[in-house]
Amino acid sequence: MSASVMWKHFNDIMQMAIDKLKFVPKKKKEKKPLWMTGSVLRTVKKKHKLWKKWRKTKDANTELKYKKQVNKASKAVKLAKRNFEKQIAKKIKSDPKSFYSYVKSKTKFKSTVGPLTNDKGDLVGDYREMAELLNTFFASVFTTENTNNLPDINNIFLYVDSERHFNYI
């Protein structure tokens, strides 16, 4: 058999296998919060299910069930969060990394320098102009020291070349 015939045979077998198996991409698993337990997840899902049912039927009985489930789910979420945070706080000595990573995830905040007012009282929003305003402000409040009256420094170390280290005098 020649190489081209063998390649065609191999290619045909691969194509049959691909057609037979039909690659199906896996559905990405949704990330749930660390504090979410199975029972809390079930109560939240039940709440969503009752919401959809109430929206379709507009039934007063279903609305009442939905409202009770909302209260139940919010109570379960609060309790699960509280228990998780207590558990992390208890393990702070043995596992500080998980504590600080959880705290960091809760305290992310990006502050920006907002529009500034210039000397004329106009709002400035351009980044370059705001940088110039900040530069002039900090230059005006920055004091320069007189470098002529600096005290003399006494050298208390003597460098010994043969030993390649400093000796104290």
C-alpha atoms as a PDB file:
ATOM      1  CA  MET A   1       0.000   0.000   0.000  1.00  0.00           C
ATOM      2  CA  SER A   2       1.236   3.473  -0.821  1.00  0.00           C
ATOM      3  CA  ALA A   3       1.303   6.352   1.645  1.00  0.00           C
ATOM      4  CA  SER A   4      -1.538   8.226  -0.058  1.00  0.00           C
ATOM      5  CA  VAL A   5      -3.824   5.166   0.052  1.00  0.00           C
ATOM      6  CA  MET A   6      -3.005   4.579   3.729  1.00  0.00           C
ATOM      7  CA  TRP A   7      -3.658   8.266   4.485  1.00  0.00           C
ATOM      8  CA  LYS A   8      -7.037   8.128   2.725  1.00  0.00           C
ATOM      9  CA  HIS A   9      -7.970   4.971   4.676  1.00  0.00           C
ATOM     10  CA  PHE A  10      -6.953   6.594   7.992  1.00  0.00           C
ATOM     11  CA  ASN A  11      -8.815   9.798   7.113  1.00  0.00           C
ATOM     12  CA  ASP A  12     -11.996   7.866   6.242  1.00  0.00           C
ATOM     13  CA  ILE A  13     -11.903   6.016   9.576  1.00  0.00           C
ATOM     14  CA  MET A  14     -11.415   9.304  11.477  1.00  0.00           C
ATOM     15  CA  GLN A  15     -14.286  10.983   9.619  1.00  0.00           C
ATOM     16  CA  MET A  16     -16.613   8.057  10.415  1.00  0.00           C
ATOM     17  CA  ALA A  17     -15.645   8.248  14.093  1.00  0.00           C
ATOM     18  CA  ILE A  18     -16.223  12.025  14.184  1.00  0.00           C
ATOM     19  CA  ASP A  19     -19.610  11.672  12.476  1.00  0.00           C
ATOM     20  CA  LYS A  20     -20.599   8.832  14.780  1.00  0.00           C
ATOM     21  CA  LEU A  21     -19.600  10.552  18.049  1.00  0.00           C
ATOM     22  CA  LYS A  22     -20.670  14.119  17.166  1.00  0.00           C
ATOM     23  CA  PHE A  23     -18.660  16.352  19.473  1.00  0.00           C
ATOM     24  CA  VAL A  24     -20.943  18.109  21.919  1.00  0.00           C
ATOM     25  CA  PRO A  25     -19.346  20.927  23.929  1.00  0.00           C
ATOM     26  CA  LYS A  26     -19.798  20.656  27.656  1.00  0.00           C
ATOM     27  CA  LYS A  27     -22.098  23.144  29.295  1.00  0.00           C
ATOM     28  CA  LYS A  28     -20.114  25.443  31.557  1.00  0.00           C
ATOM     29  CA  LYS A  29     -20.905  24.936  35.190  1.00  0.00           C
ATOM     30  CA  GLU A  30     -22.116  28.132  36.824  1.00  0.00           C
ATOM     31  CA  LYS A  31     -20.013  29.283  39.731  1.00  0.00           C
ATOM     32  CA  LYS A  32     -21.997  29.570  42.901  1.00  0.00           C
ATOM     33  CA  PRO A  33     -20.914  31.638  45.889  1.00  0.00           C
ATOM     34  CA  LEU A  34     -18.762  29.918  48.500  1.00  0.00           C
ATOM     35  CA  TRP A  35     -21.443  30.243  51.151  1.00  0.00           C
ATOM     36  CA  MET A  36     -24.165  28.632  48.964  1.00  0.00           C
ATOM     37  CA  THR A  37     -25.134  25.229  50.355  1.00  0.00           C
ATOM     38  CA  GLY A  38     -27.350  22.656  48.683  1.00  0.00           C
ATOM     39  CA  SER A  39     -30.413  23.444  50.785  1.00  0.00           C
ATOM     40  CA  VAL A  40     -30.066  27.197  50.133  1.00  0.00           C
ATOM     41  CA  LEU A  41     -29.723  26.542  46.413  1.00  0.00           C
ATOM     42  CA  ARG A  42     -32.884  24.426  46.455  1.00  0.00           C
ATOM     43  CA  THR A  43     -34.889  27.147  48.231  1.00  0.00           C
ATOM     44  CA  VAL A  44     -33.683  29.799  45.771  1.00  0.00           C
ATOM     45  CA  LYS A  45     -34.506  27.577  42.794  1.00  0.00           C
ATOM     46  CA  LYS A  46     -37.954  26.883  44.246  1.00  0.00           C
ATOM     47  CA  LYS A  47     -38.472  30.631  44.608  1.00  0.00           C
ATOM     48  CA  HIS A  48     -37.574  31.133  40.905  1.00  0.00           C
ATOM     49  CA  LYS A  49     -39.901  28.321  39.905  1.00  0.00           C
ATOM     50  CA  LEU A  50     -42.788  29.838  41.877  1.00  0.00           C
ATOM     51  CA  TRP A  51     -42.065  33.258  40.338  1.00  0.00           C
ATOM     52  CA  LYS A  52     -42.363  31.840  36.827  1.00  0.00           C
ATOM     53  CA  LYS A  53     -45.540  29.979  37.774  1.00  0.00           C
ATOM     54  CA  TRP A  54     -47.096  33.093  39.335  1.00  0.00           C
ATOM     55  CA  ARG A  55     -46.205  35.214  36.288  1.00  0.00           C
ATOM     56  CA  LYS A  56     -47.989  32.733  34.022  1.00  0.00           C
ATOM     57  CA  THR A  57     -51.099  32.142  36.115  1.00  0.00           C
ATOM     58  CA  LYS A  58     -51.486  35.394  38.122  1.00  0.00           C
ATOM     59  CA  ASP A  59     -53.176  33.231  40.757  1.00  0.00           C
ATOM     60  CA  ALA A  60     -53.546  34.666  44.288  1.00  0.00           C
ATOM     61  CA  ASN A  61     -52.701  31.314  45.890  1.00  0.00           C
ATOM     62  CA  THR A  62     -49.493  31.007  43.856  1.00  0.00           C
ATOM     63  CA  GLU A  63     -48.597  34.602  44.749  1.00  0.00           C
ATOM     64  CA  LEU A  64     -48.965  33.778  48.433  1.00  0.00           C
ATOM     65  CA  LYS A  65     -46.755  30.679  48.051  1.00  0.00           C
ATOM     66  CA  TYR A  66     -44.198  32.759  46.155  1.00  0.00           C
ATOM     67  CA  LYS A  67     -44.066  35.451  48.840  1.00  0.00           C
ATOM     68  CA  LYS A  68     -43.592  32.837  51.568  1.00  0.00           C
ATOM     69  CA  GLN A  69     -40.810  31.243  49.527  1.00  0.00           C
ATOM     70  CA  VAL A  70     -39.137  34.656  49.041  1.00  0.00           C
ATOM     71  CA  ASN A  71     -39.003  35.132  52.806  1.00  0.00           C
ATOM     72  CA  LYS A  72     -37.779  31.591  53.328  1.00  0.00           C
ATOM     73  CA  ALA A  73     -35.056  31.950  50.675  1.00  0.00           C
ATOM     74  CA  SER A  74     -33.810  35.317  51.945  1.00  0.00           C
ATOM     75  CA  LYS A  75     -33.661  33.961  55.492  1.00  0.00           C
ATOM     76  CA  ALA A  76     -31.740  30.895  54.288  1.00  0.00           C
ATOM     77  CA  VAL A  77     -29.283  33.049  52.306  1.00  0.00           C
ATOM     78  CA  LYS A  78     -28.615  35.339  55.271  1.00  0.00           C
ATOM     79  CA  LEU A  79     -28.123  32.365  57.585  1.00  0.00           C
ATOM     80  CA  ALA A  80     -25.794  30.595  55.146  1.00  0.00           C
ATOM     81  CA  LYS A  81     -23.692  33.744  54.694  1.00  0.00           C
ATOM     82  CA  ARG A  82     -23.492  34.284  58.448  1.00  0.00           C
ATOM     83  CA  ASN A  83     -22.487  30.660  59.085  1.00  0.00           C
ATOM     84  CA  PHE A  84     -19.866  30.751  56.325  1.00  0.00           C
ATOM     85  CA  GLU A  85     -18.354  33.982  57.628  1.00  0.00           C
ATOM     86  CA  LYS A  86     -18.290  32.624  61.189  1.00  0.00           C
ATOM     87  CA  GLN A  87     -16.585  29.470  59.951  1.00  0.00           C
ATOM     88  CA  ILE A  88     -13.931  31.472  58.076  1.00  0.00           C
ATOM     89  CA  ALA A  89     -13.382  33.732  61.091  1.00  0.00           C
ATOM     90  CA  LYS A  90     -12.865  30.698  63.341  1.00  0.00           C
ATOM     91  CA  LYS A  91     -10.229  29.285  60.978  1.00  0.00           C
ATOM     92  CA  ILE A  92      -8.313  32.563  60.555  1.00  0.00           C
ATOM     93  CA  LYS A  93      -5.341  31.329  62.603  1.00  0.00           C
ATOM     94  CA  SER A  94      -4.945  28.081  60.682  1.00  0.00           C
ATOM     95  CA  ASP A  95      -6.055  29.348  57.252  1.00  0.00           C
ATOM     96  CA  PRO A  96      -5.589  33.124  56.904  1.00  0.00           C
ATOM     97  CA  LYS A  97      -5.441  32.944  53.098  1.00  0.00           C
ATOM     98  CA  SER A  98      -9.100  31.989  52.718  1.00  0.00           C
ATOM     99  CA  PHE A  99     -10.155  34.701  55.171  1.00  0.00           C
ATOM    100  CA  TYR A 100      -8.261  37.472  53.425  1.00  0.00           C
ATOM    101  CA  SER A 101      -9.303  36.311  49.952  1.00  0.00           C
ATOM    102  CA  TYR A 102     -12.948  36.417  51.051  1.00  0.00           C
ATOM    103  CA  VAL A 103     -12.488  39.880  52.573  1.00  0.00           C
ATOM    104  CA  LYS A 104     -10.771  41.092  49.403  1.00  0.00           C
ATOM    105  CA  SER A 105     -13.624  39.784  47.271  1.00  0.00           C
ATOM    106  CA  LYS A 106     -16.077  41.797  49.369  1.00  0.00           C
ATOM    107  CA  THR A 107     -14.104  45.053  49.488  1.00  0.00           C
ATOM    108  CA  LYS A 108     -13.214  45.638  45.848  1.00  0.00           C
ATOM    109  CA  PHE A 109     -13.769  49.276  45.056  1.00  0.00           C
ATOM    110  CA  LYS A 110     -12.187  51.381  42.365  1.00  0.00           C
ATOM    111  CA  SER A 111     -12.150  55.071  43.089  1.00  0.00           C
ATOM    112  CA  THR A 112     -11.510  57.572  40.349  1.00  0.00           C
ATOM    113  CA  VAL A 113     -10.484  61.188  40.331  1.00  0.00           C
ATOM    114  CA  GLY A 114     -13.643  62.991  39.419  1.00  0.00           C
ATOM    115  CA  PRO A 115     -14.081  66.269  37.618  1.00  0.00           C
ATOM    116  CA  LEU A 116     -12.094  69.054  39.287  1.00  0.00           C
ATOM    117  CA  THR A 117     -12.735  72.782  39.416  1.00  0.00           C
ATOM    118  CA  ASN A 118     -10.044  75.098  38.132  1.00  0.00           C
ATOM    119  CA  ASP A 119      -9.188  78.622  39.353  1.00  0.00           C
ATOM    120  CA  LYS A 120     -12.023  80.132  37.302  1.00  0.00           C
ATOM    121  CA  GLY A 121     -14.587  77.781  38.887  1.00  0.00           C
ATOM    122  CA  ASP A 122     -15.116  75.706  35.720  1.00  0.00           C
ATOM    123  CA  LEU A 123     -15.405  71.915  35.903  1.00  0.00           C
ATOM    124  CA  VAL A 124     -12.521  70.097  34.228  1.00  0.00           C
ATOM    125  CA  GLY A 125     -13.066  66.472  33.165  1.00  0.00           C
ATOM    126  CA  ASP A 126     -10.205  65.931  30.707  1.00  0.00           C
ATOM    127  CA  TYR A 127      -7.510  63.686  32.185  1.00  0.00           C
ATOM    128  CA  ARG A 128      -4.649  65.816  30.924  1.00  0.00           C
ATOM    129  CA  GLU A 129      -6.152  69.022  32.319  1.00  0.00           C
ATOM    130  CA  MET A 130      -6.944  67.336  35.650  1.00  0.00           C
ATOM    131  CA  ALA A 131      -3.324  66.136  35.834  1.00  0.00           C
ATOM    132  CA  GLU A 132      -2.104  69.667  35.209  1.00  0.00           C
ATOM    133  CA  LEU A 133      -4.420  71.039  37.931  1.00  0.00           C
ATOM    134  CA  LEU A 134      -3.205  68.452  40.442  1.00  0.00           C
ATOM    135  CA  ASN A 135       0.415  69.116  39.468  1.00  0.00           C
ATOM    136  CA  THR A 136       0.088  72.873  39.991  1.00  0.00           C
ATOM    137  CA  PHE A 137      -1.681  72.345  43.312  1.00  0.00           C
ATOM    138  CA  PHE A 138       0.942  69.963  44.695  1.00  0.00           C
ATOM    139  CA  ALA A 139       3.754  72.161  43.379  1.00  0.00           C
ATOM    140  CA  SER A 140       2.264  75.130  45.250  1.00  0.00           C
ATOM    141  CA  VAL A 141       2.013  73.328  48.604  1.00  0.00           C
ATOM    142  CA  PHE A 142       5.353  71.512  48.320  1.00  0.00           C
ATOM    143  CA  THR A 143       8.156  73.197  50.260  1.00  0.00           C
ATOM    144  CA  THR A 144      11.778  73.071  49.170  1.00  0.00           C
ATOM    145  CA  GLU A 145      14.390  72.701  51.881  1.00  0.00           C
ATOM    146  CA  ASN A 146      17.580  74.683  52.050  1.00  0.00           C
ATOM    147  CA  THR A 147      20.316  72.156  51.297  1.00  0.00           C
ATOM    148  CA  ASN A 148      23.151  74.535  52.260  1.00  0.00           C
ATOM    149  CA  ASN A 149      22.695  74.054  56.027  1.00  0.00           C
ATOM    150  CA  LEU A 150      22.734  70.242  56.200  1.00  0.00           C
ATOM    151  CA  PRO A 151      24.678  68.737  59.131  1.00  0.00           C
ATOM    152  CA  ASP A 152      27.955  66.895  58.513  1.00  0.00           C
ATOM    153  CA  ILE A 153      27.828  63.107  58.583  1.00  0.00           C
ATOM    154  CA  ASN A 154      30.508  61.325  60.572  1.00  0.00           C
ATOM    155  CA  ASN A 155      31.730  58.161  58.906  1.00  0.00           C
ATOM    156  CA  ILE A 156      31.704  55.423  61.540  1.00  0.00           C
ATOM    157  CA  PHE A 157      32.555  52.555  59.184  1.00  0.00           C
ATOM    158  CA  LEU A 158      35.945  51.787  57.653  1.00  0.00           C
ATOM    159  CA  TYR A 159      36.068  49.722  54.489  1.00  0.00           C
ATOM    160  CA  VAL A 160      38.733  47.022  54.600  1.00  0.00           C
ATOM    161  CA  ASP A 161      39.496  45.976  51.030  1.00  0.00           C
ATOM    162  CA  SER A 162      41.328  42.723  51.743  1.00  0.00           C
ATOM    163  CA  GLU A 163      38.446  41.235  53.713  1.00  0.00           C
ATOM    164  CA  ARG A 164      35.702  42.734  51.500  1.00  0.00           C
ATOM    165  CA  HIS A 165      33.564  43.969  54.388  1.00  0.00           C
ATOM    166  CA  PHE A 166      33.014  46.973  56.614  1.00  0.00           C
ATOM    167  CA  ASN A 167      34.613  47.212  60.022  1.00  0.00           C
ATOM    168  CA  TYR A 168      33.198  49.409  62.753  1.00  0.00           C
ATOM    169  CA  ILE A 169      35.711  52.024  63.979  1.00  0.00           C
END
